[in-house]
Amino acid sequence: MPKRILTGTVTSDKTDKTVTVKVERRVKHPLYGKIIKRSKNYHAHDESNEYTVGDTVRIEETKPISKTKTWQVIDRLVASKGKAVEAELDVKEAQPTGAPEEKKQASKQAAAKKSDDAKADKAEADAE
């Protein structure tokens, strides 16, 4: 029998070498026919403690590792938001300066000019 592979989100990484993965599935309600979400938590083996809360991972069925742990993490599909934000910051710092930077500078100058004009108009109105 082939090993089952599921995709889910890490909900807890507090225990050593173990992560809790929530796997959601959609099922049709037997009476009303509406599609509803059902979820189940699985304990999965994480040998190097590299997966954190919020990561989307794939888990594979394996031989029993402990009383409740019969799954093993294969790989990470999507990193958690904290890691994604760090990656975006690195990309922004690595951007070469060029036309987009000049446009930003020009728009900042235009906004500053508008605010100065508004302040001058307000000063004139107060003086009257």
Protein backbone atom coordinates (compact mmCIF):
# COMPACT_ATOMS: atom_id res chain seq x y z
CA MET A 1 0.00 0.00 0.00
CA PRO A 2 1.48 3.42 -0.95
CA LYS A 3 2.25 6.02 1.67
CA ARG A 4 -0.33 8.77 2.05
CA ILE A 5 0.86 12.36 1.60
CA LEU A 6 -1.10 15.28 3.07
CA THR A 7 -0.64 19.06 2.98
CA GLY A 8 -1.31 21.23 6.03
CA THR A 9 -0.25 24.14 8.20
CA VAL A 10 2.02 23.87 11.25
CA THR A 11 0.02 24.94 14.32
CA SER A 12 2.52 24.09 17.05
CA ASP A 13 6.27 23.49 17.26
CA LYS A 14 6.68 23.48 21.04
CA THR A 15 7.73 19.85 21.42
CA ASP A 16 11.20 18.61 20.51
CA LYS A 17 11.42 17.01 17.04
CA THR A 18 7.63 17.15 16.65
CA VAL A 19 5.26 19.57 14.95
CA THR A 20 1.47 19.59 14.99
CA VAL A 21 0.05 19.95 11.49
CA LYS A 22 -3.58 20.92 10.81
CA VAL A 23 -4.90 19.35 7.61
CA GLU A 24 -8.15 20.77 6.21
CA ARG A 25 -10.41 18.94 3.80
CA ARG A 26 -13.71 19.85 2.19
CA VAL A 27 -16.67 17.51 2.39
CA LYS A 28 -20.24 17.69 1.22
CA HIS A 29 -22.88 17.72 3.98
CA PRO A 30 -24.87 14.49 3.69
CA LEU A 31 -28.31 16.11 4.03
CA TYR A 32 -27.97 19.71 2.86
CA GLY A 33 -25.27 19.31 0.23
CA LYS A 34 -23.28 22.34 1.35
CA ILE A 35 -19.50 22.06 1.07
CA ILE A 36 -18.01 22.41 4.57
CA LYS A 37 -14.47 22.34 5.95
CA ARG A 38 -13.31 19.58 8.24
CA SER A 39 -9.89 19.60 9.86
CA LYS A 40 -7.73 17.15 11.73
CA ASN A 41 -4.46 17.56 13.63
CA TYR A 42 -1.53 15.23 13.02
CA HIS A 43 1.70 14.93 15.00
CA ALA A 44 4.59 14.79 12.54
CA HIS A 45 8.28 14.06 13.06
CA ASP A 46 10.63 17.02 12.48
CA GLU A 47 14.16 15.71 13.01
CA SER A 48 15.99 19.05 12.79
CA ASN A 49 13.33 21.34 14.36
CA GLU A 50 13.38 23.52 11.24
CA TYR A 51 9.62 24.07 10.77
CA THR A 52 7.81 26.86 12.61
CA VAL A 53 4.21 27.89 13.24
CA GLY A 54 2.53 29.10 10.06
CA ASP A 55 4.60 27.06 7.60
CA THR A 56 2.67 25.10 4.99
CA VAL A 57 4.22 21.63 4.84
CA ARG A 58 3.71 18.21 3.28
CA ILE A 59 3.62 15.20 5.60
CA GLU A 60 4.04 11.54 4.73
CA GLU A 61 2.73 8.49 6.54
CA THR A 62 5.51 6.40 8.09
CA LYS A 63 6.03 3.62 10.62
CA PRO A 64 4.98 4.53 14.18
CA ILE A 65 7.60 6.74 15.83
CA SER A 66 5.73 7.09 19.12
CA LYS A 67 2.25 6.51 20.53
CA THR A 68 0.67 9.36 18.55
CA LYS A 69 3.28 10.11 15.89
CA THR A 70 3.03 8.18 12.62
CA TRP A 71 3.75 11.00 10.16
CA GLN A 72 6.97 12.65 9.00
CA VAL A 73 7.45 16.11 7.47
CA ILE A 74 8.72 15.86 3.88
CA ASP A 75 9.22 19.49 2.88
CA ARG A 76 8.08 23.09 3.29
CA LEU A 77 5.80 24.49 0.58
CA VAL A 78 5.30 28.02 1.97
CA ALA A 79 7.26 29.70 4.76
CA SER A 80 5.48 31.47 7.60
CA LYS A 81 4.78 35.20 7.28
CA GLY A 82 7.68 36.19 9.52
CA LYS A 83 10.16 34.57 7.16
CA ALA A 84 8.38 35.95 4.09
CA VAL A 85 8.66 39.50 5.47
CA GLU A 86 12.40 39.06 6.01
CA ALA A 87 12.78 37.87 2.42
CA GLU A 88 10.85 40.91 1.11
CA LEU A 89 13.12 43.25 3.05
CA ASP A 90 16.19 41.63 1.48
CA VAL A 91 14.67 42.06 -1.99
CA LYS A 92 13.87 45.74 -1.38
CA GLU A 93 17.42 46.44 -0.21
CA ALA A 94 18.84 44.68 -3.28
CA GLN A 95 16.81 46.75 -5.78
CA PRO A 96 19.01 48.91 -8.02
CA THR A 97 18.31 52.62 -8.06
CA GLY A 98 16.78 53.84 -11.26
CA ALA A 99 13.63 55.24 -12.78
CA PRO A 100 11.22 53.98 -10.08
CA GLU A 101 13.26 55.74 -7.40
CA GLU A 102 13.16 58.98 -9.38
CA LYS A 103 9.37 58.70 -9.70
CA LYS A 104 9.04 58.20 -5.96
CA GLN A 105 11.22 61.24 -5.31
CA ALA A 106 9.18 63.37 -7.73
CA SER A 107 5.90 62.31 -6.15
CA LYS A 108 7.26 63.12 -2.68
CA GLN A 109 8.27 66.59 -3.86
CA ALA A 110 4.84 67.17 -5.41
CA ALA A 111 3.13 66.12 -2.18
CA ALA A 112 5.37 68.44 -0.17
CA LYS A 113 4.53 71.33 -2.51
CA LYS A 114 0.79 70.68 -2.14
CA SER A 115 1.03 70.66 1.64
CA ASP A 116 3.05 73.92 1.58
CA ASP A 117 0.39 75.53 -0.66
CA ALA A 118 -2.36 74.38 1.70
CA LYS A 119 -0.50 75.85 4.69
CA ALA A 120 -0.09 79.16 2.84
CA ASP A 121 -3.81 79.28 1.97
CA LYS A 122 -4.71 78.59 5.60
CA ALA A 123 -2.36 81.33 6.79
CA GLU A 124 -4.01 83.82 4.39
CA ALA A 125 -7.47 82.84 5.62
CA ASP A 126 -6.40 83.30 9.24
CA ALA A 127 -4.86 86.71 8.43
CA GLU A 128 -8.15 87.99 6.98
